[in-house]
Amino acid sequence: MSAALTPLASEEFQAPGLGLFDWPPLVEGQAWFNKPALLALIGVVVVVIFAYSAFSRPKLVPKGMQNVGEIAYEFVREQIAKPNLGKDSDRWMPLLVSMFLYVLVVNLFGSLIFVQFPVMSRIGFAAILSIGVWVLVMYLGIKHQGPIGFFKNVMFPPGLPTWIYFLVAPIELISTFFLRHITHAVRLFATMMAGHLIIALFSEVGWHFLFVQLTPLGAPIGVLGFIMTILLTAFELFIQALQAYVFALLAAMFINDALHPAH
């Protein structure tokens, strides 16, 4: 009886799960080198080639790659750097532009046909970027405010009643030095992971009920899954760009807090 039920069981709909994010190694014996790691490296190469093509030989009247590069640079400068870093914005533009472009590229891999995997949906990649920002912020804060002044300015903001510092100081310490950098990574990772899962779910619904198990009742569900896949992919393109913007924006805010104590 179990053998007779096997073909039917194979036609049952199986929702995609966390297995979508588990990739085997591409090189035997090198467990770390899988598809996400390869895409992360390709993302670096893409950004380097784009930056070189856009800015290595700038023309007075931009065109082609230089035009695209200047649009991206101006966007980061006007929307991310200047509102948060003010007069210090030009100094940090190389970092912010590189960060924005890299996160954007590896996010867009999730919507690129035949690739279809957002690198930042693996927590390790988002965490590495966030840890890098954390190290930079700690260094800048200690350098510009002093090791004691940095912690004092964060934990004891001026103008509050003395008794409230017993509540504010530990909250600010944990939030500023740990939680906000953790959420910096988790926000990017969770959004990319959730988007990838949802699109995979609807595409699997469309494929299953239109091509694997086509029935009069299942066909409308399959059509709905197909339509939702297209709509959600378009929406995901916006989210992928938005998350690159938010990640670079928060990095700029953290850098500014380290450079200039709150008053």
Protein backbone atom coordinates (compact mmCIF):
# COMPACT_ATOMS: atom_id res chain seq x y z
CA MET A 1 0.00 0.00 0.00
CA SER A 2 2.83 2.42 0.78
CA ALA A 3 4.30 1.84 -2.67
CA ALA A 4 0.94 2.65 -4.27
CA LEU A 5 0.70 5.90 -2.37
CA THR A 6 4.18 7.10 -3.34
CA PRO A 7 3.25 8.67 -6.73
CA LEU A 8 0.39 10.61 -5.15
CA ALA A 9 2.59 11.78 -2.33
CA SER A 10 5.15 13.05 -4.82
CA GLU A 11 2.44 15.26 -6.38
CA GLU A 12 1.51 16.91 -3.10
CA PHE A 13 2.38 20.58 -2.86
CA GLN A 14 5.52 21.21 -0.81
CA ALA A 15 6.01 24.79 0.35
CA PRO A 16 9.62 26.01 0.06
CA GLY A 17 11.44 26.39 3.36
CA LEU A 18 14.84 27.20 4.81
CA GLY A 19 16.42 24.69 2.45
CA LEU A 20 16.43 27.52 -0.10
CA PHE A 21 19.32 29.05 1.82
CA ASP A 22 21.36 25.88 2.27
CA TRP A 23 23.83 25.51 -0.59
CA PRO A 24 26.42 22.76 -1.06
CA PRO A 25 30.09 23.71 -1.57
CA LEU A 26 31.16 24.43 -5.13
CA VAL A 27 34.64 23.04 -4.45
CA GLU A 28 35.07 19.74 -2.67
CA GLY A 29 36.56 20.21 0.77
CA GLN A 30 35.82 23.96 0.84
CA ALA A 31 32.52 24.13 2.71
CA TRP A 32 32.58 27.95 2.85
CA PHE A 33 32.73 28.38 -0.92
CA ASN A 34 29.16 27.91 -2.06
CA LYS A 35 26.79 29.85 -4.33
CA PRO A 36 26.20 32.74 -1.87
CA ALA A 37 29.96 33.15 -1.33
CA LEU A 38 30.55 33.15 -5.09
CA LEU A 39 27.82 35.74 -5.61
CA ALA A 40 29.31 37.89 -2.83
CA LEU A 41 32.66 37.87 -4.65
CA ILE A 42 30.99 38.57 -7.99
CA GLY A 43 29.24 41.52 -6.35
CA VAL A 44 32.61 42.99 -5.39
CA VAL A 45 33.90 42.54 -8.94
CA VAL A 46 30.77 44.14 -10.41
CA VAL A 47 31.07 47.21 -8.17
CA VAL A 48 34.80 47.59 -8.86
CA ILE A 49 34.31 47.31 -12.63
CA PHE A 50 31.38 49.73 -12.53
CA ALA A 51 33.31 52.28 -10.46
CA TYR A 52 36.37 52.01 -12.71
CA SER A 53 34.27 52.36 -15.87
CA ALA A 54 32.38 55.33 -14.47
CA PHE A 55 35.15 57.35 -12.82
CA SER A 56 38.55 56.32 -14.18
CA ARG A 57 38.41 58.70 -17.17
CA PRO A 58 35.75 61.31 -16.37
CA LYS A 59 34.55 63.55 -19.18
CA LEU A 60 33.25 67.10 -18.83
CA VAL A 61 29.96 65.97 -20.36
CA PRO A 62 29.17 62.59 -18.81
CA LYS A 63 27.67 59.75 -20.82
CA GLY A 64 27.34 56.01 -20.55
CA MET A 65 28.70 54.51 -17.35
CA GLN A 66 29.95 57.86 -16.10
CA ASN A 67 26.42 59.23 -16.31
CA VAL A 68 25.04 56.31 -14.28
CA GLY A 69 27.90 56.58 -11.81
CA GLU A 70 27.35 60.30 -11.27
CA ILE A 71 23.63 59.72 -10.70
CA ALA A 72 24.43 57.11 -8.05
CA TYR A 73 27.10 59.31 -6.47
CA GLU A 74 24.82 62.35 -6.37
CA PHE A 75 21.99 60.30 -4.87
CA VAL A 76 24.19 59.03 -2.04
CA ARG A 77 25.67 62.48 -1.43
CA GLU A 78 22.35 64.36 -1.38
CA GLN A 79 20.11 61.75 0.25
CA ILE A 80 22.48 59.97 2.64
CA ALA A 81 25.75 61.81 3.30
CA LYS A 82 24.84 65.50 3.51
CA PRO A 83 21.69 65.16 5.67
CA ASN A 84 23.60 63.11 8.24
CA LEU A 85 27.26 64.14 8.00
CA GLY A 86 27.03 67.74 6.85
CA LYS A 87 30.48 69.24 6.25
CA ASP A 88 32.08 65.80 6.78
CA SER A 89 30.06 64.21 3.98
CA ASP A 90 32.68 64.41 1.20
CA ARG A 91 35.24 62.62 3.36
CA TRP A 92 32.95 59.61 3.79
CA MET A 93 31.52 59.47 0.29
CA PRO A 94 33.82 56.68 -0.99
CA LEU A 95 32.73 54.40 1.85
CA LEU A 96 29.03 55.24 1.60
CA VAL A 97 28.87 54.97 -2.18
CA SER A 98 30.73 51.64 -2.15
CA MET A 99 28.49 50.30 0.61
CA PHE A 100 25.31 51.41 -1.12
CA LEU A 101 26.32 50.00 -4.51
CA TYR A 102 27.52 46.70 -3.08
CA VAL A 103 24.41 46.03 -1.02
CA LEU A 104 22.26 47.08 -3.99
CA VAL A 105 24.04 44.74 -6.41
CA VAL A 106 23.99 41.65 -4.18
CA ASN A 107 20.34 42.35 -3.29
CA LEU A 108 19.41 42.59 -6.97
CA PHE A 109 20.91 39.15 -7.53
CA GLY A 110 17.70 37.89 -5.93
CA SER A 111 15.69 39.13 -8.92
CA LEU A 112 18.23 38.33 -11.63
CA ILE A 113 17.14 35.39 -13.77
CA PHE A 114 19.32 32.27 -13.48
CA VAL A 115 20.87 33.73 -10.31
CA GLN A 116 17.82 34.42 -8.14
CA PHE A 117 19.48 34.53 -4.74
CA PRO A 118 19.90 37.69 -2.64
CA VAL A 119 23.27 37.38 -0.92
CA MET A 120 22.15 39.35 2.13
CA SER A 121 19.52 36.72 2.89
CA ARG A 122 22.38 34.87 4.59
CA ILE A 123 22.96 36.52 7.96
CA GLY A 124 26.74 36.14 7.80
CA PHE A 125 27.16 38.57 4.92
CA ALA A 126 24.99 41.27 6.47
CA ALA A 127 26.72 40.71 9.82
CA ILE A 128 30.20 41.22 8.33
CA LEU A 129 29.19 44.61 6.92
CA SER A 130 27.53 45.61 10.17
CA ILE A 131 30.55 44.52 12.23
CA GLY A 132 32.78 46.58 9.95
CA VAL A 133 30.62 49.64 10.59
CA TRP A 134 30.67 48.90 14.35
CA VAL A 135 34.48 48.71 14.43
CA LEU A 136 34.73 51.96 12.47
CA VAL A 137 32.26 53.72 14.77
CA MET A 138 34.08 52.55 17.91
CA TYR A 139 37.41 53.75 16.49
CA LEU A 140 36.06 57.14 15.44
CA GLY A 141 34.21 57.69 18.71
CA ILE A 142 37.27 56.95 20.84
CA LYS A 143 39.53 58.97 18.54
CA HIS A 144 37.38 62.10 18.41
CA GLN A 145 35.78 62.05 21.85
CA GLY A 146 38.29 60.08 23.89
CA PRO A 147 37.63 56.65 25.44
CA ILE A 148 35.93 58.11 28.51
CA GLY A 149 34.20 60.96 26.72
CA PHE A 150 32.72 58.65 24.10
CA PHE A 151 30.98 56.43 26.63
CA LYS A 152 30.05 59.40 28.82
CA ASN A 153 28.44 61.33 25.96
CA VAL A 154 26.42 58.29 24.96
CA MET A 155 25.33 57.17 28.42
CA PHE A 156 24.78 60.58 30.02
CA PRO A 157 23.14 62.96 27.54
CA PRO A 158 22.98 66.48 29.01
CA GLY A 159 19.83 68.16 30.24
CA LEU A 160 18.18 65.26 32.05
CA PRO A 161 17.35 64.99 35.76
CA THR A 162 20.06 63.19 37.73
CA TRP A 163 17.82 60.36 38.91
CA ILE A 164 16.80 59.39 35.37
CA TYR A 165 20.37 58.54 34.40
CA PHE A 166 20.01 55.31 36.39
CA LEU A 167 17.51 54.26 33.72
CA VAL A 168 18.93 56.03 30.67
CA ALA A 169 22.61 55.08 31.05
CA PRO A 170 22.29 51.27 30.75
CA ILE A 171 19.65 51.58 28.02
CA GLU A 172 21.82 53.93 25.96
CA LEU A 173 24.89 51.76 26.54
CA ILE A 174 23.21 48.59 25.30
CA SER A 175 21.30 50.31 22.50
CA THR A 176 24.10 52.46 21.07
CA PHE A 177 26.99 50.04 21.34
CA PHE A 178 25.23 46.75 20.62
CA LEU A 179 21.54 46.64 19.71
CA ARG A 180 21.50 49.18 16.91
CA HIS A 181 24.41 47.44 15.17
CA ILE A 182 22.72 44.07 15.57
CA THR A 183 19.49 45.41 14.08
CA HIS A 184 21.57 47.07 11.35
CA ALA A 185 22.42 43.58 10.11
CA VAL A 186 19.18 41.81 11.03
CA ARG A 187 16.99 44.38 9.25
CA LEU A 188 18.80 43.80 5.97
CA PHE A 189 19.05 40.03 6.38
CA ALA A 190 15.46 39.47 7.50
CA THR A 191 13.96 41.60 4.73
CA MET A 192 15.92 39.84 2.00
CA MET A 193 15.23 36.41 3.48
CA ALA A 194 11.48 37.04 3.84
CA GLY A 195 11.17 38.46 0.33
CA HIS A 196 13.00 35.51 -1.19
CA LEU A 197 10.80 33.02 0.68
CA ILE A 198 7.55 34.73 -0.30
CA ILE A 199 8.45 34.93 -3.98
CA ALA A 200 9.63 31.32 -3.93
CA LEU A 201 6.33 30.28 -2.34
CA PHE A 202 4.13 31.92 -4.99
CA SER A 203 6.33 30.76 -7.86
CA GLU A 204 6.14 27.21 -6.52
CA VAL A 205 2.34 27.54 -6.25
CA GLY A 206 2.16 28.68 -9.86
CA TRP A 207 4.45 25.93 -11.12
CA HIS A 208 2.81 23.15 -9.11
CA PHE A 209 -0.84 23.87 -9.89
CA LEU A 210 -0.24 24.72 -13.56
CA PHE A 211 2.38 22.17 -14.58
CA VAL A 212 2.70 19.44 -11.95
CA GLN A 213 -0.88 18.91 -10.79
CA LEU A 214 -3.20 20.67 -13.22
CA THR A 215 -6.85 20.38 -12.17
CA PRO A 216 -9.96 22.53 -12.73
CA LEU A 217 -9.81 23.65 -9.09
CA GLY A 218 -6.04 24.05 -8.96
CA ALA A 219 -5.63 26.02 -12.19
CA PRO A 220 -6.99 29.33 -10.79
CA ILE A 221 -4.67 28.94 -7.81
CA GLY A 222 -1.76 28.39 -10.18
CA VAL A 223 -2.69 31.48 -12.22
CA LEU A 224 -2.92 33.50 -9.00
CA GLY A 225 0.49 32.23 -7.93
CA PHE A 226 1.97 33.19 -11.30
CA ILE A 227 0.49 36.71 -11.17
CA MET A 228 1.58 37.22 -7.57
CA THR A 229 5.11 36.12 -8.44
CA ILE A 230 5.34 38.85 -11.08
CA LEU A 231 3.86 41.53 -8.82
CA LEU A 232 5.97 40.59 -5.81
CA THR A 233 9.13 40.46 -7.91
CA ALA A 234 8.48 44.03 -9.04
CA PHE A 235 7.84 45.06 -5.43
CA GLU A 236 10.97 43.21 -4.31
CA LEU A 237 13.08 45.26 -6.71
CA PHE A 238 11.95 48.35 -4.84
CA ILE A 239 12.64 46.72 -1.46
CA GLN A 240 16.12 45.62 -2.56
CA ALA A 241 17.01 49.19 -3.50
CA LEU A 242 15.36 50.57 -0.37
CA GLN A 243 17.36 48.26 1.91
CA ALA A 244 20.63 49.34 0.27
CA TYR A 245 19.63 52.95 0.94
CA VAL A 246 18.63 52.25 4.56
CA PHE A 247 21.82 50.32 5.30
CA ALA A 248 24.05 53.13 3.99
CA LEU A 249 21.84 55.76 5.68
CA LEU A 250 22.17 54.11 9.10
CA ALA A 251 25.92 53.74 8.61
CA ALA A 252 26.15 57.50 7.95
CA MET A 253 24.09 58.23 11.08
CA PHE A 254 26.31 56.01 13.23
CA ILE A 255 29.48 57.63 11.87
CA ASN A 256 28.11 61.09 12.60
CA ASP A 257 27.26 60.09 16.19
CA ALA A 258 30.85 58.94 16.65
CA LEU A 259 32.31 62.12 15.19
CA HIS A 260 30.07 64.56 17.02
CA PRO A 261 28.67 63.96 20.51
CA ALA A 262 25.03 64.79 21.05
CA HIS A 263 24.28 68.08 22.79
